[in-house]
Structures are given as structure tokens and as C-alpha cells.
Amino acid sequence: MSTFTLPSSTSEEVPVHLTSDLTKDQLLTFPAFKNWISTLEHSLSLQQKDEKHTFHALPYKLRKIHVQSVDFFGSGKLGFVKLKAEVSNDKGEKLPGSVFLRGGSVGMMLILQPDDVPQDSEKEKYVILALQPRIPAGSLSLAELPAGMLDDSGTFSGAAAKEIREETGLEIPKDQLLELTKLALPSTQASTGEKLQQAVYPSPGGSDEYVPIFLHQKRVKREKLKEWQGKLTGLRDKGEKIKLKLVPLDQVWREGGRDGKVLAGWALYEGLKREGKLS
């Protein structure tokens, strides 16, 4: 196990203790760590700059970081980091600092509607949910909003996107995506001065994960939608790891309510609709 000193914007050097299978360069180039440490140090710096800050009189400081474990993907790419950050003030009062670093992903709210329904109507809208094993939740069939990433070309990609493409033939290019979180959530810099992502944080008490929610609405032939309704039932064939299900939009909060992405996407959609920001 090795240790190095992290230059800190808060004027104090921070010792970082590594595991034996992690190098300094691997940690410092890990996008999730880079984003987390930059965001945290900026937030800490605001305590001294703003006399009205809650912690201005007795600011908290990042004292040290202890990396506890890491996971690598099959390609040898660093995937997850579990660490303990010691953040305290000069009285020794500490803030909870157990952190699971994994970085951001994206959630895709894909809404389909028959093309013979008036365009301004909310009738007969359906959302595609993915049912798949989620071992951290103890589930082999959790209904959720398809999650993945935007690849280098800006197209929604990942296992759920592959399944959508294979089952429906639908590709979801960048120019047909609407970022609901960015449209709905104001920048934190204007209110608190912090630099949080314009995204949903599913578990901010323990993880840095943030999820921008994207919307893609598509009008399709009624015959095609009926075909998909018969096909996308959520029932998996033997050995199949992921399956898609079409759920009425007005019922998605119930059928997918165990997934935070579903509830966030549904709430953002409904709120932006009420404000007239969605067509």
C-alpha cells in the first residue's frame, strides 16, 4: 500500500492512501475521482469566500483520503472505487465521508404513441421499461428506466439500448434527445455557488453517481405499436438477461416505482408539461 499527497485548492495538502492494486496515476485519471474531488474542493472553498456560508466561522476541511477497495472491468479499466474521506473542522467535528465512486450514467425515458392520435394529445402514450437482474438490489427482474451511456457519437448506448434496437429496431440519436434534467433543474452555481451536475443523484449519502434523464418521444404506426405490445411484455425466455416492457405513461410511476430513474423521469416530464416546456 502506498501514499501520495494530493495538492489541495483549500491550501492544505491531503494524504491519499492507496490499495496495493491501485496506482496514483490510475486514481488521478479516473473520471469519477477527478469530478468528485474537483466538486468537493470547490464546495469546501466557498466556506471561506462567503461570510454568509453556514460553515464560514468554523469551516470543514478535507484532511485525508483512504482508498479501501477498487474494482476493475474485464478490460482492465478502473470501474469502481470505494474510499473514506475525512472531512472535519478544527473542533474535530466530522462529516460522513464513506464514498462509492462510479461516476455518471444516463437514464432514457422513451415514449411511444400511435401516429393517428392528435399530436397535442397525451392519450395512448407508452413508456419502455427494462426488466433485468440487479444483484445490488437482490433482484433478478427489476423494472427500470433503460440506463446506459451516450457514446462518442452522442447516441444512447449500452445493454438496454442494444435490447431496444434488437427488439424494435429503434436507434436513438443525439439530435432527437431532450435532456429533461437540464431543462428542469437550475444551476446550483446561481443559488449555492456549488458545481453540482444538472442531474439526479440517486444515493448522495453514499455514492457520487449522477444520472441525467433524457426524453425521446416517437410516434409510430398503430400496427407497429400493437406488434410491440404483444412482444414487449417483460416475460423473458429461458436464460434471457434483459427484457423490455411497454407500460402506459399514466401507470409508469406504479409499475416502475422501485426505480428512482422512473420516478424522476415521470416527475420531470409531468412538471415540464405543466409549465408548457414540453410539446
Protein backbone atom coordinates (compact mmCIF):
# COMPACT_ATOMS: atom_id res chain seq x y z
CA MET A 1 0.00 0.00 0.00
CA SER A 2 1.39 3.41 -0.98
CA THR A 3 0.61 7.01 -0.10
CA PHE A 4 0.89 10.24 -2.04
CA THR A 5 -0.01 13.84 -1.34
CA LEU A 6 -2.85 15.44 -3.22
CA PRO A 7 -2.38 19.16 -3.88
CA SER A 8 -5.48 20.84 -2.50
CA SER A 9 -7.22 24.04 -3.51
CA THR A 10 -8.11 24.54 0.17
CA SER A 11 -4.42 25.37 0.86
CA GLU A 12 -3.71 22.16 2.81
CA GLU A 13 -2.09 19.07 1.33
CA VAL A 14 -4.16 15.90 1.57
CA PRO A 15 -2.55 12.47 2.04
CA VAL A 16 -4.12 9.74 -0.10
CA HIS A 17 -3.64 6.11 0.95
CA LEU A 18 -3.95 3.63 -1.91
CA THR A 19 -4.67 -0.08 -2.08
CA SER A 20 -1.91 -2.36 -3.34
CA ASP A 21 -3.65 -2.85 -6.70
CA LEU A 22 -4.16 0.85 -7.46
CA THR A 23 -1.59 3.37 -8.64
CA LYS A 24 -1.54 7.13 -8.20
CA ASP A 25 -1.93 7.68 -11.95
CA GLN A 26 -4.89 5.30 -12.16
CA LEU A 27 -6.73 7.18 -9.42
CA LEU A 28 -5.90 10.68 -10.65
CA THR A 29 -7.04 9.85 -14.21
CA PHE A 30 -10.23 8.07 -13.10
CA PRO A 31 -13.01 10.42 -14.36
CA ALA A 32 -15.25 9.76 -11.35
CA PHE A 33 -12.48 10.68 -8.90
CA LYS A 34 -11.49 13.77 -10.88
CA ASN A 35 -15.07 15.04 -10.94
CA TRP A 36 -15.72 14.21 -7.28
CA ILE A 37 -12.56 15.82 -5.86
CA SER A 38 -12.99 18.92 -8.03
CA THR A 39 -16.63 19.34 -6.98
CA LEU A 40 -15.88 18.73 -3.29
CA GLU A 41 -12.91 21.09 -3.11
CA HIS A 42 -14.88 23.83 -4.83
CA SER A 43 -17.73 23.43 -2.33
CA LEU A 44 -15.28 23.49 0.59
CA SER A 45 -13.62 26.66 -0.74
CA LEU A 46 -16.96 28.52 -0.66
CA GLN A 47 -16.99 28.39 3.16
CA GLN A 48 -14.16 30.90 3.41
CA LYS A 49 -15.19 33.04 0.47
CA ASP A 50 -18.76 33.66 1.62
CA GLU A 51 -19.27 35.25 5.04
CA LYS A 52 -22.92 34.15 4.94
CA HIS A 53 -21.99 30.49 4.43
CA THR A 54 -23.35 28.19 7.16
CA PHE A 55 -19.85 26.95 7.98
CA HIS A 56 -17.91 30.19 7.46
CA ALA A 57 -16.93 30.63 11.13
CA LEU A 58 -15.73 27.05 11.51
CA PRO A 59 -15.08 25.65 8.03
CA TYR A 60 -14.73 21.99 7.22
CA LYS A 61 -11.56 20.75 5.51
CA LEU A 62 -10.61 17.61 3.62
CA ARG A 63 -7.92 16.05 5.83
CA LYS A 64 -7.14 12.73 4.15
CA ILE A 65 -8.44 10.07 1.76
CA HIS A 66 -8.19 6.34 2.35
CA VAL A 67 -8.96 4.14 -0.66
CA GLN A 68 -10.46 0.93 0.71
CA SER A 69 -11.10 -1.15 -2.42
CA VAL A 70 -11.31 -0.97 -6.20
CA ASP A 71 -13.00 -2.95 -8.97
CA PHE A 72 -11.64 -3.25 -12.47
CA PHE A 73 -13.69 -4.06 -15.56
CA GLY A 74 -12.72 -7.02 -17.75
CA SER A 75 -10.64 -4.77 -19.99
CA GLY A 76 -8.51 -3.71 -17.04
CA LYS A 77 -10.23 -0.34 -16.92
CA LEU A 78 -10.86 1.09 -13.46
CA GLY A 79 -14.58 0.79 -12.78
CA PHE A 80 -15.43 1.49 -9.13
CA VAL A 81 -13.58 2.94 -6.14
CA LYS A 82 -14.66 2.72 -2.50
CA LEU A 83 -12.96 5.29 -0.28
CA LYS A 84 -13.22 7.06 3.06
CA ALA A 85 -12.74 10.83 3.03
CA GLU A 86 -12.03 12.51 6.35
CA VAL A 87 -13.75 15.89 6.35
CA SER A 88 -13.69 17.78 9.65
CA ASN A 89 -13.45 21.24 11.20
CA ASP A 90 -10.90 22.50 13.73
CA LYS A 91 -13.12 21.34 16.61
CA GLY A 92 -12.82 17.77 15.36
CA GLU A 93 -16.43 17.58 14.18
CA LYS A 94 -16.64 15.26 11.18
CA LEU A 95 -18.97 14.90 8.20
CA PRO A 96 -19.88 11.40 6.93
CA GLY A 97 -17.32 10.53 4.27
CA SER A 98 -17.82 6.96 3.03
CA VAL A 99 -17.93 7.26 -0.76
CA PHE A 100 -18.59 4.78 -3.56
CA LEU A 101 -17.23 6.34 -6.74
CA ARG A 102 -18.73 5.16 -10.01
CA GLY A 103 -19.42 8.35 -11.98
CA GLY A 104 -22.37 9.24 -14.15
CA SER A 105 -24.67 7.30 -16.43
CA VAL A 106 -27.84 8.29 -18.29
CA GLY A 107 -31.49 7.27 -18.00
CA MET A 108 -33.66 7.13 -21.11
CA MET A 109 -37.40 7.83 -20.99
CA LEU A 110 -38.63 6.51 -24.33
CA ILE A 111 -42.28 7.36 -25.00
CA LEU A 112 -44.18 5.83 -27.91
CA GLN A 113 -47.58 6.93 -29.25
CA PRO A 114 -49.71 5.85 -32.24
CA ASP A 115 -49.32 8.37 -35.07
CA ASP A 116 -53.10 8.58 -35.63
CA VAL A 117 -53.58 10.24 -32.22
CA PRO A 118 -53.56 14.08 -32.32
CA GLN A 119 -50.03 15.36 -31.70
CA ASP A 120 -51.03 17.53 -28.75
CA SER A 121 -52.78 14.62 -27.00
CA GLU A 122 -51.41 12.71 -24.00
CA LYS A 123 -53.62 9.73 -24.81
CA GLU A 124 -52.19 6.29 -25.59
CA LYS A 125 -48.64 7.09 -24.62
CA TYR A 126 -46.43 4.20 -23.55
CA VAL A 127 -43.04 4.06 -21.85
CA ILE A 128 -40.46 1.35 -22.44
CA LEU A 129 -39.14 -0.20 -19.23
CA ALA A 130 -36.29 -2.69 -18.96
CA LEU A 131 -36.56 -5.74 -16.68
CA GLN A 132 -33.18 -7.11 -15.74
CA PRO A 133 -31.12 -8.60 -12.90
CA ARG A 134 -29.85 -6.05 -10.39
CA ILE A 135 -27.81 -8.00 -7.86
CA PRO A 136 -27.12 -5.00 -5.55
CA ALA A 137 -30.89 -4.75 -5.08
CA GLY A 138 -31.19 -8.51 -4.61
CA SER A 139 -33.37 -8.74 -7.71
CA LEU A 140 -33.28 -10.85 -10.86
CA SER A 141 -36.05 -8.84 -12.55
CA LEU A 142 -36.15 -5.16 -11.58
CA ALA A 143 -38.32 -2.87 -13.72
CA GLU A 144 -36.47 0.33 -14.50
CA LEU A 145 -35.94 3.11 -16.99
CA PRO A 146 -33.36 1.91 -19.53
CA ALA A 147 -29.94 3.07 -18.37
CA GLY A 148 -26.70 3.34 -20.30
CA MET A 149 -24.41 5.98 -21.70
CA LEU A 150 -24.04 8.36 -24.59
CA ASP A 151 -21.29 7.05 -26.84
CA ASP A 152 -18.72 9.14 -28.71
CA SER A 153 -21.24 9.93 -31.46
CA GLY A 154 -23.84 11.06 -28.92
CA THR A 155 -26.09 8.02 -29.42
CA PHE A 156 -27.69 6.27 -26.45
CA SER A 157 -25.77 3.03 -25.99
CA GLY A 158 -25.34 0.15 -23.56
CA ALA A 159 -27.13 -3.13 -22.85
CA ALA A 160 -30.62 -1.61 -22.64
CA ALA A 161 -30.09 0.41 -25.83
CA LYS A 162 -28.92 -2.76 -27.60
CA GLU A 163 -32.05 -4.57 -26.47
CA ILE A 164 -34.28 -1.69 -27.65
CA ARG A 165 -32.54 -1.76 -31.02
CA GLU A 166 -32.84 -5.53 -31.36
CA GLU A 167 -36.49 -5.72 -30.25
CA THR A 168 -37.85 -2.63 -32.02
CA GLY A 169 -35.20 -1.50 -34.50
CA LEU A 170 -35.18 1.91 -32.83
CA GLU A 171 -31.94 3.87 -32.80
CA ILE A 172 -31.86 6.92 -30.53
CA PRO A 173 -29.56 9.60 -31.99
CA LYS A 174 -28.41 12.65 -30.06
CA ASP A 175 -30.36 15.19 -32.12
CA GLN A 176 -33.63 13.50 -31.07
CA LEU A 177 -32.89 13.59 -27.32
CA LEU A 178 -34.18 16.15 -24.85
CA GLU A 179 -32.30 16.40 -21.56
CA LEU A 180 -35.13 16.71 -19.04
CA THR A 181 -32.86 17.29 -16.03
CA LYS A 182 -31.04 20.15 -17.74
CA LEU A 183 -34.32 21.71 -18.83
CA ALA A 184 -35.88 21.44 -15.37
CA LEU A 185 -33.09 21.87 -12.83
CA PRO A 186 -31.47 25.30 -12.34
CA SER A 187 -27.72 25.52 -11.98
CA THR A 188 -26.56 25.28 -8.36
CA GLN A 189 -23.93 27.95 -9.05
CA ALA A 190 -26.65 30.60 -9.10
CA SER A 191 -28.09 29.54 -5.73
CA THR A 192 -25.38 27.97 -3.54
CA GLY A 193 -22.29 28.56 -5.67
CA GLU A 194 -21.63 24.82 -5.81
CA LYS A 195 -20.94 22.99 -9.06
CA LEU A 196 -23.27 20.01 -8.94
CA GLN A 197 -24.35 18.23 -12.09
CA GLN A 198 -27.71 19.06 -13.66
CA ALA A 199 -28.78 15.51 -12.99
CA VAL A 200 -30.46 13.25 -10.45
CA TYR A 201 -28.31 11.93 -7.58
CA PRO A 202 -29.94 8.57 -6.66
CA SER A 203 -27.94 7.97 -3.47
CA PRO A 204 -25.96 11.08 -2.44
CA GLY A 205 -25.45 9.75 1.10
CA GLY A 206 -23.06 7.11 -0.19
CA SER A 207 -22.30 7.49 -3.89
CA ASP A 208 -21.22 10.14 -6.37
CA GLU A 209 -23.43 8.62 -9.08
CA TYR A 210 -25.45 11.15 -11.05
CA VAL A 211 -27.98 10.40 -13.78
CA PRO A 212 -29.14 12.90 -16.39
CA ILE A 213 -32.59 11.88 -17.61
CA PHE A 214 -33.19 12.11 -21.35
CA LEU A 215 -36.52 12.04 -23.17
CA HIS A 216 -37.16 10.60 -26.61
CA GLN A 217 -40.72 10.73 -27.94
CA LYS A 218 -41.63 8.86 -31.09
CA ARG A 219 -44.89 8.48 -32.98
CA VAL A 220 -45.24 5.10 -34.67
CA LYS A 221 -47.80 3.27 -36.77
CA ARG A 222 -50.58 1.82 -34.64
CA GLU A 223 -49.99 -1.60 -36.17
CA LYS A 224 -46.33 -1.45 -35.20
CA LEU A 225 -47.20 -0.38 -31.64
CA LYS A 226 -49.68 -3.28 -31.35
CA GLU A 227 -46.96 -5.62 -32.54
CA TRP A 228 -44.59 -4.30 -29.89
CA GLN A 229 -47.30 -4.50 -27.22
CA GLY A 230 -47.61 -8.19 -27.93
CA LYS A 231 -43.86 -8.64 -27.98
CA LEU A 232 -42.66 -6.37 -25.18
CA THR A 233 -44.39 -8.00 -22.25
CA GLY A 234 -41.47 -8.20 -19.88
CA LEU A 235 -41.63 -12.01 -19.95
CA ARG A 236 -38.17 -13.41 -20.54
CA ASP A 237 -37.24 -16.56 -22.38
CA LYS A 238 -35.09 -19.05 -20.55
CA GLY A 239 -31.64 -17.61 -19.97
CA GLU A 240 -32.52 -14.14 -21.26
CA LYS A 241 -30.98 -11.47 -19.03
CA ILE A 242 -32.90 -8.39 -20.11
CA LYS A 243 -36.41 -7.88 -21.44
CA LEU A 244 -38.43 -4.82 -22.41
CA LYS A 245 -41.97 -3.97 -21.38
CA LEU A 246 -44.42 -1.35 -22.68
CA VAL A 247 -46.23 0.41 -19.85
CA PRO A 248 -48.94 3.10 -20.16
CA LEU A 249 -47.44 6.50 -19.27
CA ASP A 250 -50.09 7.17 -16.62
CA GLN A 251 -49.17 3.88 -14.89
CA VAL A 252 -45.39 4.00 -15.14
CA TRP A 253 -45.00 5.57 -11.67
CA ARG A 254 -46.65 2.46 -10.22
CA GLU A 255 -45.11 -0.28 -12.37
CA GLY A 256 -41.60 1.15 -12.23
CA GLY A 257 -41.78 2.94 -8.90
CA ARG A 258 -38.97 0.95 -7.28
CA ASP A 259 -36.52 2.56 -9.69
CA GLY A 260 -35.55 6.13 -8.86
CA LYS A 261 -34.90 6.90 -12.54
CA VAL A 262 -38.52 6.06 -13.39
CA LEU A 263 -39.91 8.33 -10.68
CA ALA A 264 -37.50 11.12 -11.59
CA GLY A 265 -38.28 10.87 -15.30
CA TRP A 266 -42.03 10.77 -14.71
CA ALA A 267 -41.93 13.74 -12.27
CA LEU A 268 -39.73 15.81 -14.61
CA TYR A 269 -41.99 15.01 -17.57
CA GLU A 270 -45.17 15.92 -15.70
CA GLY A 271 -43.67 19.09 -14.21
CA LEU A 272 -42.29 20.36 -17.50
CA LYS A 273 -45.59 19.56 -19.22
CA ARG A 274 -47.48 21.67 -16.65
CA GLU A 275 -45.07 24.55 -17.25
CA GLY A 276 -45.58 24.31 -21.02
CA LYS A 277 -41.93 23.45 -21.68
CA LEU A 278 -42.68 20.16 -23.44
CA SER A 279 -44.68 19.73 -26.61
